């Protein structure tokens, strides 16, 4: 069942964005710092496929995505929404 992004929230880190979802995604934290670490997690892998993603944290009803300094939040937000809607 796909996830819907309810809202994006800024964090104190300008290179991280909290994505609040319509339901829980993880009961315990899942954190990945590379594409290789995320290989066994289909959703995290799809997020790392987005250009500029450097870190993914999933917990409760949110996902925090961190980006490289030069990456665009506009493009990443659209990609995150697509990845969440494609999640099964």
N, C-alpha and C. Protein backbone atom coordinates (compact mmCIF):
# COMPACT_ATOMS: atom_id res chain seq x y z
N UNK A 1 0.85 -1.18 0.00
CA UNK A 1 0.00 0.00 0.00
C UNK A 1 0.89 1.24 0.00
N UNK A 2 0.66 2.15 -0.91
CA UNK A 2 1.50 3.34 -0.99
C UNK A 2 1.36 4.25 0.22
N UNK A 3 2.36 5.07 0.42
CA UNK A 3 2.34 6.09 1.47
C UNK A 3 2.06 7.44 0.82
N UNK A 4 1.39 8.30 1.54
CA UNK A 4 1.17 9.67 1.07
C UNK A 4 1.92 10.62 1.99
N UNK A 5 2.61 11.57 1.39
CA UNK A 5 3.30 12.60 2.17
C UNK A 5 2.25 13.63 2.58
N UNK A 6 2.07 13.79 3.90
CA UNK A 6 1.12 14.76 4.43
C UNK A 6 1.72 16.15 4.37
N UNK A 7 2.99 16.25 4.76
CA UNK A 7 3.68 17.53 4.69
C UNK A 7 5.18 17.32 4.78
N UNK A 8 5.91 18.31 4.27
CA UNK A 8 7.35 18.37 4.43
C UNK A 8 7.64 19.40 5.51
N UNK A 9 8.53 19.05 6.44
CA UNK A 9 8.90 19.97 7.51
C UNK A 9 10.40 20.23 7.47
N UNK A 10 10.75 21.50 7.59
CA UNK A 10 12.16 21.84 7.69
C UNK A 10 12.70 21.35 9.01
N UNK A 11 14.00 21.11 9.05
CA UNK A 11 14.68 20.70 10.27
C UNK A 11 15.77 21.75 10.56
N UNK A 12 16.38 21.69 11.73
CA UNK A 12 17.49 22.62 11.99
C UNK A 12 18.64 22.48 11.00
N UNK A 13 18.75 21.31 10.40
CA UNK A 13 19.79 21.06 9.39
C UNK A 13 19.23 21.46 8.02
N UNK A 14 19.80 22.46 7.36
CA UNK A 14 19.26 22.88 6.06
C UNK A 14 19.40 21.83 4.96
N UNK A 15 20.15 20.77 5.24
CA UNK A 15 20.32 19.70 4.26
C UNK A 15 19.48 18.47 4.59
N UNK A 16 18.52 18.62 5.53
CA UNK A 16 17.63 17.51 5.89
C UNK A 16 16.19 18.00 5.91
N UNK A 17 15.29 17.15 5.43
CA UNK A 17 13.87 17.48 5.38
C UNK A 17 13.09 16.30 5.96
N UNK A 18 12.17 16.60 6.87
CA UNK A 18 11.30 15.59 7.46
C UNK A 18 10.05 15.47 6.61
N UNK A 19 9.73 14.26 6.21
CA UNK A 19 8.56 13.98 5.38
C UNK A 19 7.55 13.24 6.26
N UNK A 20 6.49 13.92 6.65
CA UNK A 20 5.46 13.32 7.50
C UNK A 20 4.51 12.54 6.60
N UNK A 21 4.25 11.29 6.96
CA UNK A 21 3.42 10.40 6.15
C UNK A 21 2.04 10.20 6.76
N UNK A 22 1.14 9.62 5.99
CA UNK A 22 -0.22 9.39 6.44
C UNK A 22 -0.38 8.18 7.35
N UNK A 23 0.69 7.43 7.54
CA UNK A 23 0.65 6.26 8.44
C UNK A 23 2.08 5.87 8.80
N UNK A 24 2.19 4.98 9.77
CA UNK A 24 3.51 4.55 10.24
C UNK A 24 4.25 3.79 9.15
N UNK A 25 5.55 4.02 9.11
CA UNK A 25 6.42 3.33 8.14
C UNK A 25 7.39 2.38 8.84
N UNK A 26 7.76 2.69 10.10
CA UNK A 26 8.72 1.85 10.83
C UNK A 26 8.50 2.00 12.33
N UNK A 27 8.45 0.86 13.02
CA UNK A 27 8.29 0.88 14.48
C UNK A 27 9.60 1.15 15.19
N UNK A 28 10.69 0.74 14.58
CA UNK A 28 12.01 1.03 15.14
C UNK A 28 12.81 1.76 14.07
N UNK A 29 13.78 2.56 14.47
CA UNK A 29 14.50 3.36 13.48
C UNK A 29 15.25 2.53 12.46
N UNK A 30 15.16 2.96 11.21
CA UNK A 30 15.96 2.39 10.12
C UNK A 30 16.72 3.55 9.51
N UNK A 31 18.02 3.51 9.58
CA UNK A 31 18.85 4.61 9.11
C UNK A 31 19.90 4.08 8.15
N UNK A 32 20.06 4.78 7.02
CA UNK A 32 21.00 4.37 5.99
C UNK A 32 21.85 5.56 5.59
N UNK A 33 23.14 5.34 5.46
CA UNK A 33 24.08 6.40 5.11
C UNK A 33 24.70 6.19 3.73
N UNK A 34 24.23 5.18 3.01
CA UNK A 34 24.73 4.93 1.66
C UNK A 34 23.75 4.06 0.90
N UNK A 35 23.89 4.10 -0.40
CA UNK A 35 23.08 3.26 -1.29
C UNK A 35 23.30 1.78 -0.95
N UNK A 36 24.54 1.44 -0.63
CA UNK A 36 24.88 0.04 -0.32
C UNK A 36 24.17 -0.42 0.95
N UNK A 37 24.15 0.42 1.99
CA UNK A 37 23.46 0.06 3.23
C UNK A 37 21.97 -0.13 2.99
N UNK A 38 21.40 0.61 2.06
CA UNK A 38 19.96 0.58 1.81
C UNK A 38 19.55 -0.51 0.83
N UNK A 39 20.48 -1.27 0.33
CA UNK A 39 20.20 -2.23 -0.75
C UNK A 39 19.08 -3.22 -0.43
N UNK A 40 18.94 -3.65 0.81
CA UNK A 40 17.93 -4.64 1.18
C UNK A 40 16.57 -4.01 1.49
N UNK A 41 16.49 -2.70 1.48
CA UNK A 41 15.25 -1.99 1.80
C UNK A 41 14.75 -1.31 0.52
N UNK A 42 13.69 -1.83 -0.10
CA UNK A 42 13.24 -1.30 -1.39
C UNK A 42 12.90 0.20 -1.37
N UNK A 43 12.25 0.67 -0.33
CA UNK A 43 11.90 2.08 -0.28
C UNK A 43 13.14 2.96 -0.10
N UNK A 44 14.01 2.58 0.81
CA UNK A 44 15.25 3.35 1.01
C UNK A 44 16.07 3.34 -0.28
N UNK A 45 16.11 2.22 -0.97
CA UNK A 45 16.85 2.14 -2.24
C UNK A 45 16.27 3.10 -3.26
N UNK A 46 14.94 3.20 -3.31
CA UNK A 46 14.32 4.11 -4.28
C UNK A 46 14.61 5.57 -3.91
N UNK A 47 14.74 5.86 -2.62
CA UNK A 47 15.09 7.22 -2.21
C UNK A 47 16.54 7.53 -2.57
N UNK A 48 17.43 6.56 -2.36
CA UNK A 48 18.84 6.77 -2.72
C UNK A 48 19.03 6.88 -4.23
N UNK A 49 18.07 6.39 -5.00
CA UNK A 49 18.15 6.53 -6.46
C UNK A 49 17.93 7.97 -6.90
N UNK A 50 17.39 8.80 -6.01
CA UNK A 50 17.19 10.22 -6.32
C UNK A 50 18.52 10.94 -6.23
N UNK A 51 18.83 11.73 -7.23
CA UNK A 51 20.11 12.44 -7.26
C UNK A 51 20.24 13.39 -6.08
N UNK A 52 21.31 13.22 -5.31
CA UNK A 52 21.61 14.11 -4.20
C UNK A 52 21.29 13.57 -2.83
N UNK A 53 20.57 12.45 -2.72
CA UNK A 53 20.24 11.89 -1.41
C UNK A 53 21.49 11.30 -0.77
N UNK A 54 21.74 11.67 0.49
CA UNK A 54 22.93 11.19 1.20
C UNK A 54 22.62 10.37 2.43
N UNK A 55 21.38 10.46 2.94
CA UNK A 55 21.02 9.77 4.18
C UNK A 55 19.51 9.63 4.23
N UNK A 56 19.04 8.51 4.78
CA UNK A 56 17.61 8.27 4.94
C UNK A 56 17.38 7.70 6.33
N UNK A 57 16.43 8.29 7.06
CA UNK A 57 16.02 7.80 8.37
C UNK A 57 14.52 7.58 8.33
N UNK A 58 14.07 6.39 8.75
CA UNK A 58 12.64 6.08 8.82
C UNK A 58 12.29 5.72 10.24
N UNK A 59 11.21 6.33 10.75
CA UNK A 59 10.75 6.03 12.10
C UNK A 59 9.32 6.54 12.25
N UNK A 60 8.49 5.73 12.88
CA UNK A 60 7.11 6.14 13.11
C UNK A 60 6.44 6.50 11.79
N UNK A 61 5.85 7.69 11.74
CA UNK A 61 5.15 8.11 10.53
C UNK A 61 5.95 9.15 9.73
N UNK A 62 7.27 9.08 9.82
CA UNK A 62 8.05 10.04 9.04
C UNK A 62 9.32 9.41 8.47
N UNK A 63 9.80 10.08 7.43
CA UNK A 63 11.07 9.76 6.80
C UNK A 63 11.85 11.06 6.74
N UNK A 64 13.08 11.05 7.20
CA UNK A 64 13.94 12.21 7.05
C UNK A 64 14.95 11.90 5.96
N UNK A 65 15.00 12.78 4.99
CA UNK A 65 15.91 12.63 3.86
C UNK A 65 16.94 13.75 3.95
N UNK A 66 18.21 13.38 3.85
CA UNK A 66 19.29 14.37 3.81
C UNK A 66 19.84 14.43 2.40
N UNK A 67 20.31 15.62 2.03
CA UNK A 67 20.78 15.82 0.67
C UNK A 67 22.18 16.41 0.64
N UNK A 68 22.82 16.27 -0.49
CA UNK A 68 24.10 16.91 -0.74
C UNK A 68 23.87 18.42 -0.84
N UNK A 69 24.86 19.24 -0.48
CA UNK A 69 24.68 20.69 -0.49
C UNK A 69 24.17 21.27 -1.80
N UNK A 70 24.55 20.74 -2.94
CA UNK A 70 24.13 21.32 -4.22
C UNK A 70 22.80 20.81 -4.74
N UNK A 71 22.20 19.84 -4.08
CA UNK A 71 20.94 19.24 -4.57
C UNK A 71 19.76 20.17 -4.32
N UNK A 72 18.76 20.07 -5.17
CA UNK A 72 17.58 20.92 -5.11
C UNK A 72 16.47 20.27 -4.29
N UNK A 73 15.95 21.00 -3.29
CA UNK A 73 14.82 20.46 -2.51
C UNK A 73 13.59 20.31 -3.38
N UNK A 74 13.37 21.19 -4.32
CA UNK A 74 12.18 21.10 -5.17
C UNK A 74 12.15 19.76 -5.91
N UNK A 75 13.26 19.40 -6.54
CA UNK A 75 13.34 18.13 -7.26
C UNK A 75 13.25 16.95 -6.31
N UNK A 76 13.92 17.04 -5.16
CA UNK A 76 13.91 15.93 -4.22
C UNK A 76 12.52 15.70 -3.62
N UNK A 77 11.81 16.76 -3.29
CA UNK A 77 10.46 16.60 -2.74
C UNK A 77 9.56 15.86 -3.73
N UNK A 78 9.63 16.23 -4.99
CA UNK A 78 8.82 15.56 -6.01
C UNK A 78 9.22 14.08 -6.11
N UNK A 79 10.52 13.80 -6.06
CA UNK A 79 10.99 12.42 -6.12
C UNK A 79 10.58 11.61 -4.90
N UNK A 80 10.64 12.22 -3.73
CA UNK A 80 10.22 11.53 -2.50
C UNK A 80 8.74 11.19 -2.59
N UNK A 81 7.92 12.12 -3.05
CA UNK A 81 6.48 11.84 -3.18
C UNK A 81 6.24 10.69 -4.15
N UNK A 82 6.96 10.66 -5.28
CA UNK A 82 6.80 9.56 -6.23
C UNK A 82 7.22 8.23 -5.61
N UNK A 83 8.34 8.23 -4.88
CA UNK A 83 8.82 6.98 -4.26
C UNK A 83 7.82 6.47 -3.22
N UNK A 84 7.24 7.37 -2.46
CA UNK A 84 6.27 6.95 -1.44
C UNK A 84 5.01 6.39 -2.07
N UNK A 85 4.55 7.00 -3.14
CA UNK A 85 3.35 6.51 -3.83
C UNK A 85 3.59 5.17 -4.52
N UNK A 86 4.84 4.89 -4.88
CA UNK A 86 5.18 3.63 -5.54
C UNK A 86 5.50 2.51 -4.54
N UNK A 87 5.63 2.85 -3.26
CA UNK A 87 5.99 1.86 -2.23
C UNK A 87 4.89 0.82 -2.10
N UNK A 88 5.31 -0.40 -1.82
CA UNK A 88 4.33 -1.48 -1.61
C UNK A 88 4.52 -2.09 -0.25
